[in-house]
Amino acid sequence: MAKNSIKLNDLIGLSLNHFIEKTDGMSYSKRALLWFKVNLNKKVTSSELAQIPGKGGNPISHNMRRIFELRDEQGYDIVNWKDNERTNLNLKVDEWVLLSLEPIEENIRSRGVNKRIAFEVFSRDHFTCQTCGRTPQDDDPFKPGHKVTLHVGHIIAHKSNHNGDNKELTADDFITMCNVCNEGAKNSDIPTITLLDRVKASSVNEKQAIYDFLKNSLN
């Protein structure tokens, strides 16, 4: 059976592993959307979404960006804990639910992010999450064995075109966030990493260089 001809009913009831086998050869976005659809109105966790591979069978390091694209750029009503007041689903951090099989046209909104803006934002913020201080070299506190990934987050939540705001977004409209903070972890859930923490974790030679620099600059 050609992968593009797989019917939704053929996937309902499959375990995640069997679902992955059945959809082998599909892109990550298509597989993730199908997983949401076979679990319509049921909770899907970030852990499940992280296990779904891309077309070549390789893990997708920026998989949550694809989920945001399904929600924001394609209009699928995918909700998380931030929507609890509207949905009354009492979702926890890292839990997602698809509420409708078909996208909702009025929900479609451009995220306004391109590669140039992303590079400008990351460079300006020194490739550091502005919420918790983590960088791509730091471990993901909720996923052992994984490093955090950086996202471009909106400073003001989604300036959407369907509200009549056609302003072209620039780097000033965005901020660097790690995947943990951008996916909804509350500040109390994840300890921040300060500059002092990084100095403490540095090597003896690095500490000596920092000491020499500060000594010379403060004299």
N, C-alpha and C. Protein backbone atom coordinates (compact mmCIF):
# COMPACT_ATOMS: atom_id res chain seq x y z
N MET A 1 0.84 -1.19 0.00
CA MET A 1 0.00 0.00 0.00
C MET A 1 0.88 1.25 0.00
N ALA A 2 0.65 2.15 -0.93
CA ALA A 2 1.42 3.38 -0.98
C ALA A 2 1.17 4.18 0.29
N LYS A 3 2.22 4.82 0.79
CA LYS A 3 2.10 5.52 2.06
C LYS A 3 1.07 6.64 1.97
N ASN A 4 0.99 7.31 0.81
CA ASN A 4 0.06 8.42 0.67
C ASN A 4 -1.39 7.96 0.62
N SER A 5 -1.61 6.63 0.44
CA SER A 5 -2.97 6.13 0.32
C SER A 5 -3.46 5.51 1.63
N ILE A 6 -2.65 5.60 2.67
CA ILE A 6 -3.07 5.06 3.96
C ILE A 6 -4.30 5.82 4.45
N LYS A 7 -5.31 5.07 4.88
CA LYS A 7 -6.52 5.69 5.37
C LYS A 7 -6.43 5.83 6.89
N LEU A 8 -7.10 6.85 7.38
CA LEU A 8 -7.07 7.11 8.81
C LEU A 8 -7.56 5.91 9.61
N ASN A 9 -8.58 5.26 9.11
CA ASN A 9 -9.14 4.11 9.83
C ASN A 9 -8.13 2.96 9.96
N ASP A 10 -7.17 2.91 9.02
CA ASP A 10 -6.15 1.86 9.07
C ASP A 10 -5.18 2.05 10.25
N LEU A 11 -5.17 3.27 10.79
CA LEU A 11 -4.19 3.60 11.83
C LEU A 11 -4.80 3.65 13.23
N ILE A 12 -6.10 3.75 13.30
CA ILE A 12 -6.77 3.86 14.60
C ILE A 12 -6.55 2.59 15.42
N GLY A 13 -6.15 2.78 16.65
CA GLY A 13 -5.95 1.64 17.55
C GLY A 13 -4.54 1.09 17.56
N LEU A 14 -3.69 1.55 16.64
CA LEU A 14 -2.31 1.06 16.60
C LEU A 14 -1.50 1.64 17.74
N SER A 15 -0.55 0.87 18.25
CA SER A 15 0.40 1.42 19.21
C SER A 15 1.29 2.41 18.47
N LEU A 16 2.01 3.24 19.21
CA LEU A 16 2.87 4.22 18.57
C LEU A 16 3.93 3.55 17.70
N ASN A 17 4.51 2.46 18.18
CA ASN A 17 5.54 1.76 17.40
C ASN A 17 4.97 1.22 16.09
N HIS A 18 3.77 0.63 16.15
CA HIS A 18 3.15 0.11 14.94
C HIS A 18 2.71 1.24 14.01
N PHE A 19 2.28 2.35 14.59
CA PHE A 19 1.93 3.52 13.79
C PHE A 19 3.15 4.01 13.02
N ILE A 20 4.30 4.07 13.71
CA ILE A 20 5.53 4.52 13.06
C ILE A 20 5.92 3.59 11.91
N GLU A 21 5.78 2.29 12.14
CA GLU A 21 6.07 1.31 11.08
C GLU A 21 5.13 1.50 9.89
N LYS A 22 3.86 1.70 10.19
CA LYS A 22 2.83 1.82 9.14
C LYS A 22 3.02 3.06 8.30
N THR A 23 3.55 4.13 8.90
CA THR A 23 3.69 5.41 8.19
C THR A 23 5.11 5.66 7.73
N ASP A 24 5.92 4.61 7.70
CA ASP A 24 7.31 4.74 7.27
C ASP A 24 7.38 5.41 5.89
N GLY A 25 8.27 6.39 5.77
CA GLY A 25 8.44 7.09 4.51
C GLY A 25 7.74 8.44 4.45
N MET A 26 6.86 8.71 5.41
CA MET A 26 6.18 10.00 5.46
C MET A 26 7.05 11.04 6.16
N SER A 27 6.78 12.30 5.89
CA SER A 27 7.49 13.38 6.56
C SER A 27 7.02 13.46 8.02
N TYR A 28 7.81 14.14 8.84
CA TYR A 28 7.44 14.26 10.25
C TYR A 28 6.10 14.96 10.41
N SER A 29 5.89 16.05 9.72
CA SER A 29 4.66 16.83 9.88
C SER A 29 3.42 15.99 9.56
N LYS A 30 3.48 15.22 8.49
CA LYS A 30 2.34 14.38 8.10
C LYS A 30 2.10 13.29 9.15
N ARG A 31 3.17 12.70 9.65
CA ARG A 31 3.02 11.64 10.64
C ARG A 31 2.47 12.19 11.96
N ALA A 32 2.99 13.33 12.37
CA ALA A 32 2.52 13.92 13.62
C ALA A 32 1.05 14.28 13.52
N LEU A 33 0.65 14.86 12.38
CA LEU A 33 -0.75 15.22 12.20
C LEU A 33 -1.63 13.98 12.21
N LEU A 34 -1.18 12.91 11.58
CA LEU A 34 -1.95 11.67 11.59
C LEU A 34 -2.07 11.10 13.01
N TRP A 35 -0.98 11.20 13.79
CA TRP A 35 -1.03 10.70 15.16
C TRP A 35 -2.05 11.49 15.99
N PHE A 36 -2.09 12.80 15.75
CA PHE A 36 -3.11 13.61 16.41
C PHE A 36 -4.51 13.18 15.97
N LYS A 37 -4.66 12.91 14.67
CA LYS A 37 -5.99 12.58 14.16
C LYS A 37 -6.49 11.23 14.67
N VAL A 38 -5.60 10.25 14.78
CA VAL A 38 -6.06 8.96 15.29
C VAL A 38 -6.31 9.03 16.80
N ASN A 39 -5.82 10.09 17.42
CA ASN A 39 -6.08 10.32 18.85
C ASN A 39 -6.94 11.56 19.04
N LEU A 40 -7.84 11.80 18.11
CA LEU A 40 -8.70 12.99 18.16
C LEU A 40 -9.36 13.12 19.54
N ASN A 41 -9.24 14.33 20.11
CA ASN A 41 -9.82 14.64 21.43
C ASN A 41 -9.19 13.85 22.58
N LYS A 42 -8.05 13.22 22.31
CA LYS A 42 -7.32 12.51 23.35
C LYS A 42 -5.95 13.18 23.54
N LYS A 43 -5.38 13.00 24.72
CA LYS A 43 -4.10 13.62 25.02
C LYS A 43 -2.95 12.96 24.27
N VAL A 44 -2.11 13.79 23.67
CA VAL A 44 -0.87 13.34 23.03
C VAL A 44 0.25 14.06 23.75
N THR A 45 1.27 13.32 24.15
CA THR A 45 2.35 13.93 24.93
C THR A 45 3.52 14.35 24.04
N SER A 46 4.30 15.29 24.54
CA SER A 46 5.50 15.71 23.82
C SER A 46 6.47 14.55 23.66
N SER A 47 6.46 13.63 24.63
CA SER A 47 7.33 12.46 24.54
C SER A 47 6.94 11.59 23.34
N GLU A 48 5.65 11.40 23.13
CA GLU A 48 5.18 10.64 21.97
C GLU A 48 5.61 11.33 20.68
N LEU A 49 5.40 12.64 20.62
CA LEU A 49 5.73 13.39 19.42
C LEU A 49 7.22 13.35 19.13
N ALA A 50 8.04 13.29 20.19
CA ALA A 50 9.49 13.23 20.02
C ALA A 50 9.94 11.89 19.46
N GLN A 51 9.14 10.84 19.66
CA GLN A 51 9.51 9.51 19.18
C GLN A 51 9.21 9.32 17.69
N ILE A 52 8.35 10.16 17.14
CA ILE A 52 8.00 10.03 15.73
C ILE A 52 9.16 10.54 14.89
N PRO A 53 9.70 9.71 14.00
CA PRO A 53 10.86 10.13 13.20
C PRO A 53 10.44 10.88 11.93
N GLY A 54 11.43 11.43 11.26
CA GLY A 54 11.18 12.09 9.99
C GLY A 54 11.16 11.09 8.85
N LYS A 55 11.15 11.59 7.64
CA LYS A 55 11.00 10.75 6.45
C LYS A 55 12.10 9.72 6.33
N GLY A 56 13.33 10.11 6.72
CA GLY A 56 14.45 9.18 6.60
C GLY A 56 14.63 8.28 7.80
N GLY A 57 13.68 8.34 8.73
CA GLY A 57 13.78 7.51 9.92
C GLY A 57 14.61 8.13 11.03
N ASN A 58 15.11 9.34 10.79
CA ASN A 58 15.94 10.01 11.80
C ASN A 58 15.07 10.86 12.72
N PRO A 59 15.47 10.99 14.00
CA PRO A 59 14.71 11.83 14.92
C PRO A 59 14.74 13.29 14.50
N ILE A 60 13.69 14.02 14.79
CA ILE A 60 13.58 15.42 14.43
C ILE A 60 13.91 16.26 15.66
N SER A 61 15.03 16.99 15.61
CA SER A 61 15.47 17.74 16.79
C SER A 61 14.57 18.93 17.09
N HIS A 62 13.93 19.48 16.05
CA HIS A 62 13.07 20.64 16.25
C HIS A 62 11.62 20.25 16.01
N ASN A 63 11.21 19.11 16.54
CA ASN A 63 9.89 18.59 16.22
C ASN A 63 8.76 19.50 16.70
N MET A 64 8.93 20.19 17.82
CA MET A 64 7.84 21.02 18.32
C MET A 64 7.57 22.20 17.41
N ARG A 65 8.56 22.62 16.66
CA ARG A 65 8.31 23.69 15.68
C ARG A 65 7.29 23.22 14.65
N ARG A 66 7.36 21.95 14.28
CA ARG A 66 6.41 21.41 13.30
C ARG A 66 5.00 21.41 13.88
N ILE A 67 4.87 21.17 15.19
CA ILE A 67 3.56 21.18 15.82
C ILE A 67 3.00 22.59 15.81
N PHE A 68 3.85 23.58 16.12
CA PHE A 68 3.40 24.97 16.08
C PHE A 68 2.99 25.36 14.66
N GLU A 69 3.71 24.83 13.67
CA GLU A 69 3.35 25.13 12.27
C GLU A 69 2.00 24.53 11.91
N LEU A 70 1.73 23.31 12.37
CA LEU A 70 0.43 22.70 12.12
C LEU A 70 -0.68 23.54 12.74
N ARG A 71 -0.42 24.06 13.92
CA ARG A 71 -1.42 24.86 14.63
C ARG A 71 -1.57 26.25 14.03
N ASP A 72 -0.44 26.94 13.83
CA ASP A 72 -0.50 28.36 13.47
C ASP A 72 -0.60 28.59 11.97
N GLU A 73 0.16 27.82 11.18
CA GLU A 73 0.23 28.09 9.75
C GLU A 73 -0.78 27.27 8.95
N GLN A 74 -1.22 26.12 9.51
CA GLN A 74 -2.22 25.31 8.82
C GLN A 74 -3.59 25.37 9.48
N GLY A 75 -3.67 25.92 10.69
CA GLY A 75 -4.96 26.16 11.31
C GLY A 75 -5.57 25.01 12.08
N TYR A 76 -4.80 23.95 12.37
CA TYR A 76 -5.37 22.84 13.13
C TYR A 76 -5.55 23.25 14.60
N ASP A 77 -6.69 22.88 15.17
CA ASP A 77 -7.02 23.29 16.53
C ASP A 77 -6.32 22.38 17.52
N ILE A 78 -5.01 22.58 17.65
CA ILE A 78 -4.18 21.81 18.57
C ILE A 78 -3.96 22.68 19.80
N VAL A 79 -4.38 22.18 20.96
CA VAL A 79 -4.32 22.98 22.19
C VAL A 79 -3.39 22.34 23.21
N ASN A 80 -2.89 23.16 24.13
CA ASN A 80 -2.08 22.65 25.24
C ASN A 80 -2.54 23.33 26.53
N TRP A 81 -1.72 23.26 27.56
CA TRP A 81 -2.14 23.75 28.87
C TRP A 81 -2.47 25.23 28.87
N LYS A 82 -1.88 25.97 27.93
CA LYS A 82 -2.15 27.41 27.88
C LYS A 82 -3.59 27.70 27.48
N ASP A 83 -4.28 26.69 26.91
CA ASP A 83 -5.67 26.87 26.47
C ASP A 83 -6.68 26.30 27.46
N ASN A 84 -6.22 25.93 28.66
CA ASN A 84 -7.11 25.27 29.62
C ASN A 84 -8.34 26.11 29.97
N GLU A 85 -8.17 27.40 30.04
CA GLU A 85 -9.30 28.26 30.39
C GLU A 85 -10.39 28.17 29.32
N ARG A 86 -9.98 28.03 28.08
CA ARG A 86 -10.95 27.93 26.97
C ARG A 86 -11.51 26.53 26.85
N THR A 87 -10.67 25.51 27.06
CA THR A 87 -11.09 24.13 26.77
C THR A 87 -11.58 23.35 27.99
N ASN A 88 -11.17 23.78 29.19
CA ASN A 88 -11.49 23.05 30.42
C ASN A 88 -10.96 21.61 30.39
N LEU A 89 -9.86 21.39 29.67
CA LEU A 89 -9.29 20.05 29.57
C LEU A 89 -8.28 19.76 30.68
N ASN A 90 -7.88 20.79 31.41
CA ASN A 90 -6.92 20.62 32.51
C ASN A 90 -5.66 19.89 32.04
N LEU A 91 -5.13 20.31 30.90
CA LEU A 91 -3.92 19.69 30.36
C LEU A 91 -2.71 20.10 31.18
N LYS A 92 -1.76 19.18 31.27
CA LYS A 92 -0.50 19.47 31.93
C LYS A 92 0.51 19.93 30.90
N VAL A 93 1.63 20.47 31.39
CA VAL A 93 2.71 20.84 30.48
C VAL A 93 3.13 19.60 29.69
N ASP A 94 3.35 19.78 28.40
CA ASP A 94 3.75 18.69 27.50
C ASP A 94 2.60 17.77 27.11
N GLU A 95 1.35 18.22 27.30
CA GLU A 95 0.19 17.48 26.82
C GLU A 95 -0.54 18.32 25.78
N TRP A 96 -0.93 17.66 24.69
CA TRP A 96 -1.56 18.35 23.57
C TRP A 96 -2.81 17.58 23.15
N VAL A 97 -3.79 18.29 22.60
CA VAL A 97 -5.01 17.64 22.11
C VAL A 97 -5.43 18.30 20.80
N LEU A 98 -5.78 17.48 19.81
CA LEU A 98 -6.38 17.97 18.57
C LEU A 98 -7.90 17.91 18.73
N LEU A 99 -8.57 19.03 18.51
CA LEU A 99 -10.00 19.11 18.76
C LEU A 99 -10.86 18.93 17.52
N SER A 100 -10.26 19.01 16.33
CA SER A 100 -11.03 18.89 15.09
C SER A 100 -10.18 18.26 14.00
N LEU A 101 -10.77 17.36 13.24
CA LEU A 101 -10.02 16.69 12.16
C LEU A 101 -9.60 17.66 11.07
N GLU A 102 -10.44 18.66 10.80
CA GLU A 102 -10.17 19.60 9.72
C GLU A 102 -9.61 20.91 10.27
N PRO A 103 -8.73 21.55 9.51
CA PRO A 103 -8.19 22.84 9.96
C PRO A 103 -9.28 23.91 9.96
N ILE A 104 -9.09 24.91 10.78
CA ILE A 104 -10.03 26.03 10.87
C ILE A 104 -9.38 27.24 10.22
N GLU A 105 -9.95 27.68 9.12
CA GLU A 105 -9.32 28.70 8.29
C GLU A 105 -9.02 29.98 9.07
N GLU A 106 -9.97 30.40 9.92
CA GLU A 106 -9.75 31.66 10.64
C GLU A 106 -8.65 31.56 11.70
N ASN A 107 -8.20 30.34 11.99
CA ASN A 107 -7.11 30.16 12.95
C ASN A 107 -5.73 30.30 12.31
N ILE A 108 -5.68 30.30 10.99
CA ILE A 108 -4.41 30.35 10.28
C ILE A 108 -3.76 31.71 10.50
N ARG A 109 -2.52 31.69 10.92
CA ARG A 109 -1.80 32.94 11.17
C ARG A 109 -0.33 32.72 10.88
N SER A 110 0.29 33.68 10.29
CA SER A 110 1.70 33.58 9.97
C SER A 110 2.54 33.84 11.21
N ARG A 111 3.51 32.99 11.46
CA ARG A 111 4.40 33.20 12.60
C ARG A 111 5.40 34.31 12.32
N GLY A 112 5.58 34.66 11.05
CA GLY A 112 6.43 35.78 10.72
C GLY A 112 7.92 35.53 10.89
N VAL A 113 8.30 34.26 11.01
CA VAL A 113 9.71 33.93 11.25
C VAL A 113 10.34 33.38 9.98
N ASN A 114 11.50 33.90 9.62
CA ASN A 114 12.27 33.31 8.53
C ASN A 114 13.70 33.10 9.02
N LYS A 115 14.53 32.50 8.19
CA LYS A 115 15.89 32.16 8.61
C LYS A 115 16.69 33.40 8.99
N ARG A 116 16.50 34.49 8.26
CA ARG A 116 17.25 35.71 8.56
C ARG A 116 16.88 36.25 9.94
N ILE A 117 15.57 36.30 10.22
CA ILE A 117 15.13 36.79 11.52
C ILE A 117 15.62 35.86 12.63
N ALA A 118 15.51 34.55 12.41
CA ALA A 118 15.95 33.60 13.43
C ALA A 118 17.43 33.81 13.76
N PHE A 119 18.27 33.98 12.73
CA PHE A 119 19.70 34.19 12.97
C PHE A 119 19.94 35.49 13.72
N GLU A 120 19.21 36.55 13.35
CA GLU A 120 19.37 37.83 14.04
C GLU A 120 18.98 37.71 15.51
N VAL A 121 17.88 37.00 15.79
CA VAL A 121 17.41 36.86 17.16
C VAL A 121 18.40 36.04 17.98
N PHE A 122 18.83 34.89 17.44
CA PHE A 122 19.77 34.04 18.17
C PHE A 122 21.09 34.77 18.42
N SER A 123 21.58 35.49 17.41
CA SER A 123 22.85 36.21 17.56
C SER A 123 22.72 37.32 18.60
N ARG A 124 21.65 38.07 18.52
CA ARG A 124 21.43 39.16 19.49
C ARG A 124 21.37 38.64 20.91
N ASP A 125 20.73 37.47 21.08
CA ASP A 125 20.55 36.88 22.43
C ASP A 125 21.67 35.92 22.79
N HIS A 126 22.76 35.92 21.99
CA HIS A 126 23.93 35.10 22.26
C HIS A 126 23.57 33.61 22.36
N PHE A 127 22.62 33.17 21.53
CA PHE A 127 22.21 31.76 21.45
C PHE A 127 21.89 31.22 22.85
N THR A 128 21.19 32.05 23.63
CA THR A 128 20.86 31.71 25.00
C THR A 128 19.38 31.97 25.26
N CYS A 129 18.71 31.01 25.88
CA CYS A 129 17.31 31.18 26.23
C CYS A 129 17.18 32.36 27.19
N GLN A 130 16.33 33.30 26.84
CA GLN A 130 16.18 34.51 27.65
C GLN A 130 15.28 34.29 28.87
N THR A 131 14.72 33.10 29.00
CA THR A 131 13.89 32.79 30.16
C THR A 131 14.68 32.04 31.23
N CYS A 132 15.42 31.00 30.82
CA CYS A 132 16.11 30.17 31.81
C CYS A 132 17.63 30.20 31.69
N GLY A 133 18.16 30.79 30.61
CA GLY A 133 19.62 30.91 30.47
C GLY A 133 20.31 29.74 29.83
N ARG A 134 19.55 28.74 29.35
CA ARG A 134 20.18 27.58 28.75
C ARG A 134 20.60 27.83 27.30
N THR A 135 21.60 27.06 26.86
CA THR A 135 22.10 27.12 25.49
C THR A 135 22.02 25.72 24.89
N PRO A 136 22.28 25.58 23.58
CA PRO A 136 22.23 24.24 22.97
C PRO A 136 23.23 23.25 23.55
N GLN A 137 24.17 23.73 24.37
CA GLN A 137 25.13 22.82 25.00
C GLN A 137 24.59 22.25 26.32
N ASP A 138 23.45 22.76 26.79
CA ASP A 138 22.92 22.32 28.08
C ASP A 138 21.94 21.17 27.93
N ASP A 139 21.89 20.32 28.95
CA ASP A 139 20.98 19.18 28.93
C ASP A 139 19.54 19.63 29.11
N ASP A 140 18.63 18.94 28.44
CA ASP A 140 17.20 19.16 28.63
C ASP A 140 16.84 18.59 30.00
N PRO A 141 16.36 19.42 30.94
CA PRO A 141 16.10 18.91 32.29
C PRO A 141 14.98 17.90 32.37
N PHE A 142 14.14 17.81 31.33
CA PHE A 142 13.01 16.90 31.36
C PHE A 142 13.18 15.71 30.42
N LYS A 143 14.26 15.69 29.64
CA LYS A 143 14.48 14.60 28.70
C LYS A 143 15.93 14.13 28.81
N PRO A 144 16.20 13.18 29.70
CA PRO A 144 17.57 12.69 29.90
C PRO A 144 18.20 12.24 28.58
N GLY A 145 19.44 12.65 28.39
CA GLY A 145 20.15 12.25 27.18
C GLY A 145 19.94 13.19 26.01
N HIS A 146 19.13 14.23 26.17
CA HIS A 146 18.87 15.18 25.11
C HIS A 146 19.37 16.58 25.50
N LYS A 147 19.83 17.32 24.51
CA LYS A 147 20.20 18.72 24.71
C LYS A 147 18.99 19.60 24.39
N VAL A 148 18.97 20.80 24.96
CA VAL A 148 17.88 21.71 24.63
C VAL A 148 18.08 22.23 23.21
N THR A 149 17.00 22.62 22.58
CA THR A 149 17.06 23.26 21.27
C THR A 149 16.48 24.66 21.41
N LEU A 150 16.93 25.56 20.58
CA LEU A 150 16.47 26.94 20.65
C LEU A 150 15.30 27.19 19.71
N HIS A 151 14.33 27.94 20.18
CA HIS A 151 13.18 28.36 19.39
C HIS A 151 13.16 29.88 19.31
N VAL A 152 12.51 30.38 18.28
CA VAL A 152 12.25 31.82 18.17
C VAL A 152 10.84 32.05 18.68
N GLY A 153 10.72 32.68 19.83
CA GLY A 153 9.41 32.89 20.44
C GLY A 153 8.93 34.31 20.26
N HIS A 154 7.61 34.47 20.14
CA HIS A 154 7.03 35.81 20.02
C HIS A 154 7.08 36.52 21.38
N ILE A 155 7.49 37.78 21.36
CA ILE A 155 7.47 38.57 22.59
C ILE A 155 6.03 38.87 22.98
N ILE A 156 5.22 39.26 22.00
CA ILE A 156 3.78 39.41 22.20
C ILE A 156 3.14 38.28 21.40
N ALA A 157 2.31 37.48 22.05
CA ALA A 157 1.78 36.27 21.42
C ALA A 157 1.14 36.57 20.08
N HIS A 158 1.67 35.94 19.04
CA HIS A 158 1.15 35.91 17.68
C HIS A 158 0.41 37.15 17.25
N LYS A 159 1.15 38.08 16.61
CA LYS A 159 0.50 39.21 15.97
C LYS A 159 -0.13 38.70 14.68
N SER A 160 -1.39 38.41 14.71
CA SER A 160 -2.02 37.63 13.64
C SER A 160 -2.66 38.51 12.58
N ASN A 161 -2.50 38.09 11.35
CA ASN A 161 -3.05 38.84 10.24
C ASN A 161 -4.57 38.86 10.23
N HIS A 162 -5.19 37.79 10.80
CA HIS A 162 -6.64 37.77 10.74
C HIS A 162 -7.26 38.78 11.71
N ASN A 163 -6.44 39.41 12.55
CA ASN A 163 -6.93 40.48 13.39
C ASN A 163 -6.72 41.85 12.74
N GLY A 164 -6.30 41.81 11.49
CA GLY A 164 -6.12 43.05 10.77
C GLY A 164 -4.74 43.65 10.93
N ASP A 165 -3.86 42.98 11.60
CA ASP A 165 -2.51 43.48 11.82
C ASP A 165 -1.59 42.88 10.77
N ASN A 166 -1.25 43.67 9.75
CA ASN A 166 -0.42 43.18 8.66
C ASN A 166 1.02 43.68 8.78
N LYS A 167 1.38 44.09 9.98
CA LYS A 167 2.73 44.60 10.23
C LYS A 167 3.76 43.52 9.94
N GLU A 168 4.76 43.88 9.18
CA GLU A 168 5.85 42.94 8.91
C GLU A 168 6.71 42.83 10.17
N LEU A 169 6.87 41.61 10.64
CA LEU A 169 7.60 41.40 11.88
C LEU A 169 9.11 41.43 11.65
N THR A 170 9.82 41.91 12.67
CA THR A 170 11.28 41.98 12.63
C THR A 170 11.84 41.23 13.83
N ALA A 171 13.17 41.21 13.94
CA ALA A 171 13.80 40.52 15.06
C ALA A 171 13.37 41.12 16.40
N ASP A 172 12.97 42.38 16.41
CA ASP A 172 12.55 43.03 17.65
C ASP A 172 11.26 42.44 18.20
N ASP A 173 10.52 41.70 17.37
CA ASP A 173 9.26 41.10 17.81
C ASP A 173 9.45 39.72 18.43
N PHE A 174 10.71 39.24 18.45
CA PHE A 174 10.97 37.87 18.89
C PHE A 174 12.04 37.81 19.97
N ILE A 175 12.08 36.67 20.62
CA ILE A 175 13.05 36.43 21.69
C ILE A 175 13.51 34.98 21.60
N THR A 176 14.72 34.71 22.02
CA THR A 176 15.24 33.35 22.02
C THR A 176 14.72 32.58 23.23
N MET A 177 14.14 31.42 22.98
CA MET A 177 13.65 30.56 24.05
C MET A 177 14.10 29.13 23.78
N CYS A 178 14.38 28.38 24.83
CA CYS A 178 14.68 26.97 24.63
C CYS A 178 13.37 26.21 24.44
N ASN A 179 13.46 24.98 23.97
CA ASN A 179 12.25 24.20 23.72
C ASN A 179 11.43 23.99 24.99
N VAL A 180 12.10 23.88 26.14
CA VAL A 180 11.39 23.64 27.40
C VAL A 180 10.51 24.84 27.74
N CYS A 181 11.09 26.02 27.71
CA CYS A 181 10.33 27.22 28.06
C CYS A 181 9.27 27.54 27.01
N ASN A 182 9.60 27.34 25.73
CA ASN A 182 8.65 27.66 24.68
C ASN A 182 7.47 26.70 24.63
N GLU A 183 7.68 25.46 25.11
CA GLU A 183 6.61 24.47 25.09
C GLU A 183 5.71 24.54 26.31
N GLY A 184 6.02 25.47 27.23
CA GLY A 184 5.05 25.70 28.28
C GLY A 184 5.47 25.46 29.70
N ALA A 185 6.73 25.11 29.95
CA ALA A 185 7.13 24.91 31.35
C ALA A 185 7.07 26.24 32.09
N LYS A 186 6.48 26.22 33.27
CA LYS A 186 6.41 27.43 34.08
C LYS A 186 7.80 27.74 34.64
N ASN A 187 8.03 29.01 34.95
CA ASN A 187 9.33 29.40 35.47
C ASN A 187 9.72 28.60 36.70
N SER A 188 8.72 28.21 37.51
CA SER A 188 9.02 27.47 38.72
C SER A 188 9.39 26.02 38.44
N ASP A 189 9.12 25.55 37.22
CA ASP A 189 9.40 24.16 36.87
C ASP A 189 10.87 23.93 36.53
N ILE A 190 11.56 24.98 36.11
CA ILE A 190 12.91 24.80 35.59
C ILE A 190 13.82 25.86 36.18
N PRO A 191 14.88 25.45 36.87
CA PRO A 191 15.79 26.45 37.46
C PRO A 191 16.56 27.19 36.38
N THR A 192 16.84 28.46 36.62
CA THR A 192 17.60 29.24 35.66
C THR A 192 19.08 28.91 35.77
N ILE A 193 19.80 29.19 34.71
CA ILE A 193 21.25 29.04 34.70
C ILE A 193 21.84 30.43 34.59
N THR A 194 22.55 30.87 35.60
CA THR A 194 23.11 32.21 35.62
C THR A 194 24.54 32.20 35.09
N LEU A 195 25.09 33.39 34.89
CA LEU A 195 26.48 33.50 34.46
C LEU A 195 27.41 32.91 35.51
N LEU A 196 27.07 33.11 36.79
CA LEU A 196 27.89 32.54 37.85
C LEU A 196 27.89 31.01 37.80
N ASP A 197 26.74 30.43 37.46
CA ASP A 197 26.66 28.97 37.32
C ASP A 197 27.62 28.49 36.24
N ARG A 198 27.70 29.24 35.14
CA ARG A 198 28.57 28.84 34.03
C ARG A 198 30.04 28.98 34.42
N VAL A 199 30.36 30.01 35.19
CA VAL A 199 31.74 30.18 35.65
C VAL A 199 32.12 29.02 36.56
N LYS A 200 31.22 28.66 37.47
CA LYS A 200 31.50 27.55 38.39
C LYS A 200 31.73 26.24 37.65
N ALA A 201 31.03 26.07 36.53
CA ALA A 201 31.13 24.82 35.78
C ALA A 201 32.28 24.81 34.78
N SER A 202 32.96 25.93 34.63
CA SER A 202 34.04 26.02 33.64
C SER A 202 35.31 25.35 34.16
N SER A 203 36.24 25.13 33.25
CA SER A 203 37.51 24.48 33.61
C SER A 203 38.40 25.44 34.38
N VAL A 204 39.46 24.90 34.97
CA VAL A 204 40.41 25.73 35.72
C VAL A 204 41.03 26.79 34.82
N ASN A 205 41.40 26.40 33.60
CA ASN A 205 42.00 27.36 32.68
C ASN A 205 41.03 28.47 32.31
N GLU A 206 39.76 28.10 32.11
CA GLU A 206 38.76 29.11 31.79
C GLU A 206 38.53 30.06 32.97
N LYS A 207 38.50 29.49 34.18
CA LYS A 207 38.33 30.33 35.37
C LYS A 207 39.50 31.30 35.52
N GLN A 208 40.70 30.81 35.22
CA GLN A 208 41.88 31.67 35.32
C GLN A 208 41.79 32.81 34.31
N ALA A 209 41.35 32.48 33.10
CA ALA A 209 41.22 33.51 32.07
C ALA A 209 40.17 34.55 32.46
N ILE A 210 39.07 34.08 33.05
CA ILE A 210 38.02 35.00 33.50
C ILE A 210 38.54 35.88 34.63
N TYR A 211 39.28 35.26 35.55
CA TYR A 211 39.86 36.02 36.67
C TYR A 211 40.81 37.10 36.17
N ASP A 212 41.69 36.71 35.23
CA ASP A 212 42.66 37.67 34.69
C ASP A 212 41.95 38.82 33.99
N PHE A 213 40.90 38.48 33.24
CA PHE A 213 40.15 39.52 32.52
C PHE A 213 39.51 40.50 33.50
N LEU A 214 38.83 39.96 34.52
CA LEU A 214 38.16 40.82 35.49
C LEU A 214 39.16 41.65 36.28
N LYS A 215 40.27 41.04 36.64
CA LYS A 215 41.30 41.75 37.40
C LYS A 215 41.82 42.95 36.62
N ASN A 216 42.08 42.73 35.31
CA ASN A 216 42.62 43.80 34.48
C ASN A 216 41.58 44.87 34.17
N SER A 217 40.33 44.41 33.96
CA SER A 217 39.29 45.36 33.57
C SER A 217 38.80 46.21 34.73
N LEU A 218 38.96 45.71 35.97
CA LEU A 218 38.45 46.43 37.13
C LEU A 218 39.53 47.32 37.78
N ASN A 219 40.77 47.19 37.32
CA ASN A 219 41.84 48.04 37.86
C ASN A 219 41.85 49.40 37.18
